[in-house]
Amino acid sequence: MLQHDVSNPRPYTRHNRVQGTKGAFEDYPPRIYVEGQPGGERWTSIDDWKKTHTHPLWTQLRERAVNGGHGGMDFIMAYRLVQCLHEGLVPDYDVYDAATWSAPFPLSEISVAKGSAPVRFPDFTRGAWSAV
């Protein structure tokens, strides 16, 4: 699910959701649901998940990152890219990721220009992508 709407009138919100076939995470307030979790099909606290799933880079850089935009995400992304370049590592994302992240805006413009018609999302890898 992808939703980014900054043009319809409504109160400001930073509500975020990441949802897949086996669970969902929402922020503001932070909560999680994972299929098969104790307690059944309802939202639970993320506190236990944070203990085992917080990325070491966030743990290391939290204090420096927190004022770096978008809750620290901008700082972490820039830091990691520079780290990869300095250490000769393959970056965590590639040109296909960049194109995919950038595509929703122009595709939305095309859709609006066509009376809100659906617009096919391009496969920038020409079929060479991997879900792994």
N, C-alpha and C. Protein backbone atom coordinates (compact mmCIF):
# COMPACT_ATOMS: atom_id res chain seq x y z
N MET A 1 0.85 -1.17 0.00
CA MET A 1 0.00 0.00 0.00
C MET A 1 0.90 1.24 0.00
N LEU A 2 0.62 2.15 -0.90
CA LEU A 2 1.35 3.41 -0.95
C LEU A 2 0.34 4.53 -1.01
N GLN A 3 0.43 5.44 -0.07
CA GLN A 3 -0.47 6.59 -0.07
C GLN A 3 0.34 7.81 0.33
N HIS A 4 0.35 8.80 -0.53
CA HIS A 4 1.02 10.06 -0.23
C HIS A 4 0.14 11.15 -0.80
N ASP A 5 -0.57 11.82 0.07
CA ASP A 5 -1.54 12.81 -0.37
C ASP A 5 -1.29 14.11 0.38
N VAL A 6 -0.82 15.10 -0.32
CA VAL A 6 -0.54 16.38 0.31
C VAL A 6 -1.40 17.50 -0.26
N SER A 7 -2.42 17.14 -1.05
CA SER A 7 -3.21 18.19 -1.69
C SER A 7 -4.66 18.24 -1.26
N ASN A 8 -5.19 17.18 -0.66
CA ASN A 8 -6.58 17.22 -0.21
C ASN A 8 -6.68 17.88 1.15
N PRO A 9 -7.73 18.69 1.36
CA PRO A 9 -7.86 19.40 2.63
C PRO A 9 -8.17 18.44 3.78
N ARG A 10 -7.41 18.54 4.84
CA ARG A 10 -7.63 17.79 6.07
C ARG A 10 -6.57 18.21 7.08
N PRO A 11 -6.74 17.86 8.35
CA PRO A 11 -5.72 18.21 9.34
C PRO A 11 -4.40 17.51 9.04
N TYR A 12 -3.30 18.15 9.41
CA TYR A 12 -1.97 17.59 9.21
C TYR A 12 -1.83 16.30 9.99
N THR A 13 -1.18 15.32 9.40
CA THR A 13 -0.90 14.07 10.08
C THR A 13 0.42 13.51 9.57
N ARG A 14 1.12 12.79 10.44
CA ARG A 14 2.31 12.05 10.03
C ARG A 14 2.05 10.57 10.24
N HIS A 15 0.85 10.16 10.01
CA HIS A 15 0.48 8.77 10.17
C HIS A 15 1.18 7.95 9.09
N ASN A 16 1.90 6.94 9.52
CA ASN A 16 2.65 6.09 8.59
C ASN A 16 2.19 4.65 8.77
N ARG A 17 2.16 3.92 7.68
CA ARG A 17 1.83 2.49 7.75
C ARG A 17 2.70 1.73 6.75
N VAL A 18 3.25 0.63 7.23
CA VAL A 18 3.92 -0.34 6.38
C VAL A 18 3.14 -1.63 6.57
N GLN A 19 2.61 -2.16 5.49
CA GLN A 19 1.73 -3.33 5.60
C GLN A 19 2.12 -4.36 4.56
N GLY A 20 2.13 -5.61 5.00
CA GLY A 20 2.42 -6.71 4.11
C GLY A 20 1.40 -7.82 4.30
N THR A 21 1.70 -8.99 3.82
CA THR A 21 0.75 -10.10 3.90
C THR A 21 0.73 -10.77 5.26
N LYS A 22 1.76 -10.55 6.09
CA LYS A 22 1.84 -11.22 7.39
C LYS A 22 1.80 -10.25 8.56
N GLY A 23 1.64 -8.96 8.29
CA GLY A 23 1.59 -8.02 9.40
C GLY A 23 1.58 -6.58 8.94
N ALA A 24 1.56 -5.70 9.94
CA ALA A 24 1.52 -4.26 9.65
C ALA A 24 2.15 -3.50 10.81
N PHE A 25 2.72 -2.36 10.48
CA PHE A 25 3.27 -1.44 11.47
C PHE A 25 2.67 -0.08 11.19
N GLU A 26 2.24 0.61 12.23
CA GLU A 26 1.79 1.98 12.11
C GLU A 26 2.53 2.83 13.14
N ASP A 27 2.72 4.09 12.78
CA ASP A 27 3.38 5.02 13.68
C ASP A 27 2.45 6.18 13.98
N TYR A 28 2.70 6.83 15.09
CA TYR A 28 1.90 7.97 15.57
C TYR A 28 0.46 7.55 15.85
N PRO A 29 0.23 6.73 16.84
CA PRO A 29 1.15 6.13 17.80
C PRO A 29 1.77 4.85 17.24
N PRO A 30 2.99 4.51 17.69
CA PRO A 30 3.64 3.29 17.20
C PRO A 30 2.94 2.03 17.70
N ARG A 31 2.68 1.12 16.76
CA ARG A 31 2.02 -0.14 17.09
C ARG A 31 2.28 -1.14 15.98
N ILE A 32 2.12 -2.43 16.30
CA ILE A 32 2.46 -3.47 15.34
C ILE A 32 1.46 -4.62 15.45
N TYR A 33 1.27 -5.28 14.33
CA TYR A 33 0.51 -6.53 14.30
C TYR A 33 1.31 -7.50 13.44
N VAL A 34 1.56 -8.71 13.94
CA VAL A 34 2.22 -9.75 13.19
C VAL A 34 1.35 -11.00 13.27
N GLU A 35 1.08 -11.59 12.11
CA GLU A 35 0.23 -12.78 12.07
C GLU A 35 0.73 -13.84 13.05
N GLY A 36 -0.18 -14.41 13.84
CA GLY A 36 0.16 -15.46 14.78
C GLY A 36 0.68 -14.97 16.12
N GLN A 37 0.71 -13.66 16.32
CA GLN A 37 1.22 -13.12 17.58
C GLN A 37 0.28 -13.45 18.73
N PRO A 38 0.82 -13.53 19.95
CA PRO A 38 -0.05 -13.73 21.11
C PRO A 38 -1.06 -12.58 21.21
N GLY A 39 -2.27 -12.89 21.58
CA GLY A 39 -3.28 -11.85 21.73
C GLY A 39 -4.19 -11.71 20.53
N GLY A 40 -3.90 -12.45 19.47
CA GLY A 40 -4.78 -12.43 18.31
C GLY A 40 -4.61 -11.23 17.41
N GLU A 41 -5.68 -10.94 16.68
CA GLU A 41 -5.63 -9.90 15.65
C GLU A 41 -5.95 -8.53 16.24
N ARG A 42 -4.97 -7.96 16.92
CA ARG A 42 -5.10 -6.59 17.41
C ARG A 42 -3.72 -5.97 17.49
N TRP A 43 -3.68 -4.66 17.50
CA TRP A 43 -2.43 -3.93 17.59
C TRP A 43 -1.77 -4.21 18.93
N THR A 44 -0.42 -4.31 18.93
CA THR A 44 0.34 -4.44 20.16
C THR A 44 1.46 -3.42 20.16
N SER A 45 2.08 -3.25 21.32
CA SER A 45 3.19 -2.32 21.48
C SER A 45 4.40 -2.80 20.68
N ILE A 46 5.21 -1.85 20.23
CA ILE A 46 6.44 -2.22 19.51
C ILE A 46 7.63 -2.36 20.44
N ASP A 47 7.44 -2.12 21.73
CA ASP A 47 8.57 -2.11 22.66
C ASP A 47 9.37 -3.41 22.63
N ASP A 48 8.71 -4.57 22.67
CA ASP A 48 9.45 -5.83 22.62
C ASP A 48 10.17 -6.02 21.30
N TRP A 49 9.57 -5.57 20.20
CA TRP A 49 10.20 -5.69 18.89
C TRP A 49 11.44 -4.81 18.81
N LYS A 50 11.38 -3.62 19.40
CA LYS A 50 12.52 -2.71 19.37
C LYS A 50 13.75 -3.31 20.05
N LYS A 51 13.53 -4.12 21.08
CA LYS A 51 14.64 -4.74 21.80
C LYS A 51 15.46 -5.66 20.90
N THR A 52 14.81 -6.31 19.95
CA THR A 52 15.50 -7.29 19.10
C THR A 52 15.65 -6.84 17.65
N HIS A 53 15.00 -5.76 17.26
CA HIS A 53 15.02 -5.38 15.84
C HIS A 53 15.51 -3.96 15.57
N THR A 54 16.03 -3.26 16.58
CA THR A 54 16.58 -1.93 16.33
C THR A 54 17.92 -2.09 15.62
N HIS A 55 18.07 -1.39 14.52
CA HIS A 55 19.30 -1.50 13.73
C HIS A 55 20.49 -0.93 14.51
N PRO A 56 21.64 -1.62 14.46
CA PRO A 56 22.82 -1.13 15.19
C PRO A 56 23.25 0.28 14.79
N LEU A 57 23.05 0.65 13.53
CA LEU A 57 23.43 1.99 13.09
C LEU A 57 22.58 3.04 13.80
N TRP A 58 21.30 2.75 13.99
CA TRP A 58 20.43 3.68 14.72
C TRP A 58 20.86 3.77 16.18
N THR A 59 21.18 2.64 16.78
CA THR A 59 21.64 2.62 18.17
C THR A 59 22.91 3.46 18.31
N GLN A 60 23.82 3.31 17.38
CA GLN A 60 25.10 4.03 17.42
C GLN A 60 24.93 5.53 17.19
N LEU A 61 24.04 5.93 16.29
CA LEU A 61 23.96 7.33 15.84
C LEU A 61 22.75 8.10 16.33
N ARG A 62 21.92 7.49 17.13
CA ARG A 62 20.64 8.11 17.54
C ARG A 62 20.79 9.56 17.97
N GLU A 63 21.72 9.84 18.87
CA GLU A 63 21.86 11.20 19.41
C GLU A 63 22.26 12.21 18.32
N ARG A 64 23.13 11.79 17.41
CA ARG A 64 23.54 12.69 16.32
C ARG A 64 22.45 12.83 15.27
N ALA A 65 21.67 11.78 15.07
CA ALA A 65 20.71 11.75 13.98
C ALA A 65 19.39 12.43 14.30
N VAL A 66 19.01 12.48 15.55
CA VAL A 66 17.65 12.86 15.93
C VAL A 66 17.22 14.22 15.37
N ASN A 67 18.12 15.13 15.17
CA ASN A 67 17.77 16.44 14.60
C ASN A 67 18.07 16.52 13.10
N GLY A 68 18.34 15.38 12.48
CA GLY A 68 18.76 15.36 11.08
C GLY A 68 17.64 15.28 10.07
N GLY A 69 16.43 15.60 10.43
CA GLY A 69 15.32 15.58 9.48
C GLY A 69 14.58 14.25 9.50
N HIS A 70 13.26 14.33 9.45
CA HIS A 70 12.39 13.16 9.44
C HIS A 70 12.73 12.20 10.60
N GLY A 71 12.92 12.77 11.79
CA GLY A 71 13.18 11.96 12.96
C GLY A 71 14.54 11.29 12.96
N GLY A 72 15.44 11.73 12.12
CA GLY A 72 16.78 11.16 12.05
C GLY A 72 17.02 10.31 10.81
N MET A 73 15.95 9.98 10.10
CA MET A 73 16.08 9.11 8.93
C MET A 73 16.99 9.73 7.85
N ASP A 74 16.84 11.02 7.60
CA ASP A 74 17.66 11.66 6.57
C ASP A 74 19.15 11.57 6.92
N PHE A 75 19.47 11.82 8.19
CA PHE A 75 20.86 11.74 8.63
C PHE A 75 21.40 10.33 8.46
N ILE A 76 20.64 9.33 8.89
CA ILE A 76 21.08 7.93 8.82
C ILE A 76 21.32 7.52 7.37
N MET A 77 20.39 7.87 6.48
CA MET A 77 20.55 7.50 5.06
C MET A 77 21.80 8.14 4.45
N ALA A 78 22.01 9.42 4.72
CA ALA A 78 23.20 10.10 4.19
C ALA A 78 24.47 9.53 4.81
N TYR A 79 24.46 9.30 6.11
CA TYR A 79 25.61 8.74 6.80
C TYR A 79 25.99 7.38 6.21
N ARG A 80 24.98 6.54 6.01
CA ARG A 80 25.24 5.19 5.50
C ARG A 80 25.81 5.23 4.08
N LEU A 81 25.28 6.11 3.23
CA LEU A 81 25.81 6.22 1.88
C LEU A 81 27.28 6.65 1.90
N VAL A 82 27.60 7.66 2.69
CA VAL A 82 28.98 8.13 2.80
C VAL A 82 29.87 7.02 3.37
N GLN A 83 29.36 6.28 4.37
CA GLN A 83 30.11 5.17 4.94
C GLN A 83 30.44 4.12 3.86
N CYS A 84 29.46 3.78 3.05
CA CYS A 84 29.69 2.79 1.97
C CYS A 84 30.74 3.30 0.99
N LEU A 85 30.65 4.57 0.61
CA LEU A 85 31.61 5.13 -0.33
C LEU A 85 33.02 5.15 0.25
N HIS A 86 33.14 5.54 1.52
CA HIS A 86 34.46 5.59 2.17
C HIS A 86 35.07 4.19 2.31
N GLU A 87 34.24 3.19 2.60
CA GLU A 87 34.75 1.85 2.87
C GLU A 87 34.73 0.94 1.64
N GLY A 88 34.33 1.47 0.48
CA GLY A 88 34.30 0.68 -0.74
C GLY A 88 33.23 -0.39 -0.75
N LEU A 89 32.15 -0.17 0.01
CA LEU A 89 31.04 -1.12 0.08
C LEU A 89 30.00 -0.81 -0.98
N VAL A 90 29.27 -1.82 -1.38
CA VAL A 90 28.14 -1.60 -2.29
C VAL A 90 27.05 -0.89 -1.49
N PRO A 91 26.52 0.24 -1.98
CA PRO A 91 25.46 0.94 -1.24
C PRO A 91 24.23 0.04 -1.02
N ASP A 92 23.45 0.39 -0.01
CA ASP A 92 22.27 -0.39 0.34
C ASP A 92 21.15 -0.24 -0.68
N TYR A 93 21.24 0.75 -1.53
CA TYR A 93 20.24 0.95 -2.57
C TYR A 93 20.96 1.30 -3.86
N ASP A 94 20.26 1.09 -4.97
CA ASP A 94 20.89 1.32 -6.27
C ASP A 94 20.05 2.26 -7.12
N VAL A 95 20.45 2.42 -8.36
CA VAL A 95 19.76 3.34 -9.25
C VAL A 95 18.31 2.92 -9.49
N TYR A 96 18.04 1.61 -9.44
CA TYR A 96 16.67 1.13 -9.62
C TYR A 96 15.81 1.53 -8.43
N ASP A 97 16.38 1.45 -7.23
CA ASP A 97 15.65 1.91 -6.05
C ASP A 97 15.36 3.40 -6.16
N ALA A 98 16.36 4.17 -6.55
CA ALA A 98 16.18 5.62 -6.67
C ALA A 98 15.08 5.96 -7.67
N ALA A 99 15.07 5.27 -8.80
CA ALA A 99 14.03 5.52 -9.80
C ALA A 99 12.65 5.14 -9.25
N THR A 100 12.58 4.02 -8.55
CA THR A 100 11.32 3.57 -7.99
C THR A 100 10.81 4.54 -6.93
N TRP A 101 11.70 5.03 -6.07
CA TRP A 101 11.29 5.98 -5.04
C TRP A 101 10.84 7.31 -5.64
N SER A 102 11.38 7.66 -6.78
CA SER A 102 11.06 8.95 -7.41
C SER A 102 9.84 8.88 -8.31
N ALA A 103 9.42 7.71 -8.70
CA ALA A 103 8.36 7.55 -9.70
C ALA A 103 6.96 7.99 -9.27
N PRO A 104 6.54 7.81 -8.02
CA PRO A 104 5.14 8.14 -7.69
C PRO A 104 4.71 9.56 -8.03
N PHE A 105 5.61 10.54 -7.87
CA PHE A 105 5.22 11.92 -8.16
C PHE A 105 4.87 12.13 -9.64
N PRO A 106 5.77 11.82 -10.59
CA PRO A 106 5.39 12.05 -11.98
C PRO A 106 4.24 11.13 -12.44
N LEU A 107 4.17 9.91 -11.91
CA LEU A 107 3.05 9.03 -12.28
C LEU A 107 1.73 9.58 -11.78
N SER A 108 1.74 10.21 -10.61
CA SER A 108 0.53 10.84 -10.09
C SER A 108 0.11 12.01 -10.96
N GLU A 109 1.09 12.80 -11.42
CA GLU A 109 0.78 13.92 -12.33
C GLU A 109 0.12 13.41 -13.61
N ILE A 110 0.65 12.32 -14.16
CA ILE A 110 0.08 11.73 -15.38
C ILE A 110 -1.34 11.26 -15.11
N SER A 111 -1.55 10.60 -13.98
CA SER A 111 -2.88 10.10 -13.63
C SER A 111 -3.88 11.25 -13.51
N VAL A 112 -3.49 12.32 -12.83
CA VAL A 112 -4.38 13.47 -12.66
C VAL A 112 -4.69 14.10 -14.02
N ALA A 113 -3.69 14.22 -14.87
CA ALA A 113 -3.90 14.81 -16.19
C ALA A 113 -4.86 13.98 -17.04
N LYS A 114 -4.95 12.69 -16.73
CA LYS A 114 -5.85 11.79 -17.46
C LYS A 114 -7.14 11.53 -16.69
N GLY A 115 -7.52 12.49 -15.83
CA GLY A 115 -8.78 12.35 -15.10
C GLY A 115 -8.75 11.28 -14.03
N SER A 116 -7.61 11.12 -13.39
CA SER A 116 -7.41 10.12 -12.33
C SER A 116 -7.41 8.69 -12.84
N ALA A 117 -7.03 8.50 -14.08
CA ALA A 117 -6.93 7.16 -14.65
C ALA A 117 -5.75 6.42 -14.02
N PRO A 118 -5.87 5.11 -13.87
CA PRO A 118 -4.73 4.33 -13.36
C PRO A 118 -3.54 4.45 -14.31
N VAL A 119 -2.35 4.47 -13.75
CA VAL A 119 -1.12 4.54 -14.52
C VAL A 119 -0.25 3.36 -14.10
N ARG A 120 0.22 2.62 -15.07
CA ARG A 120 1.06 1.46 -14.79
C ARG A 120 2.39 1.89 -14.19
N PHE A 121 2.81 1.23 -13.12
CA PHE A 121 4.09 1.53 -12.48
C PHE A 121 5.18 0.78 -13.24
N PRO A 122 6.19 1.49 -13.75
CA PRO A 122 7.20 0.84 -14.58
C PRO A 122 8.13 -0.08 -13.78
N ASP A 123 8.60 -1.12 -14.44
CA ASP A 123 9.64 -1.98 -13.89
C ASP A 123 10.96 -1.47 -14.45
N PHE A 124 11.67 -0.68 -13.67
CA PHE A 124 12.90 -0.05 -14.13
C PHE A 124 14.02 -1.05 -14.38
N THR A 125 13.87 -2.29 -13.90
CA THR A 125 14.91 -3.30 -14.09
C THR A 125 14.66 -4.14 -15.33
N ARG A 126 13.58 -3.90 -16.06
CA ARG A 126 13.20 -4.66 -17.25
C ARG A 126 13.11 -6.16 -16.94
N GLY A 127 12.49 -6.45 -15.78
CA GLY A 127 12.26 -7.84 -15.40
C GLY A 127 13.39 -8.48 -14.61
N ALA A 128 14.46 -7.76 -14.35
CA ALA A 128 15.61 -8.35 -13.66
C ALA A 128 15.57 -8.16 -12.15
N TRP A 129 14.49 -7.63 -11.60
CA TRP A 129 14.41 -7.36 -10.16
C TRP A 129 14.26 -8.66 -9.38
N SER A 130 14.64 -8.59 -8.13
CA SER A 130 14.51 -9.73 -7.22
C SER A 130 13.84 -9.26 -5.96
N ALA A 131 12.89 -10.04 -5.46
CA ALA A 131 12.17 -9.68 -4.23
C ALA A 131 13.03 -9.92 -3.00
N VAL A 132 14.17 -10.50 -3.15
CA VAL A 132 15.03 -10.81 -1.99
C VAL A 132 15.93 -9.64 -1.70
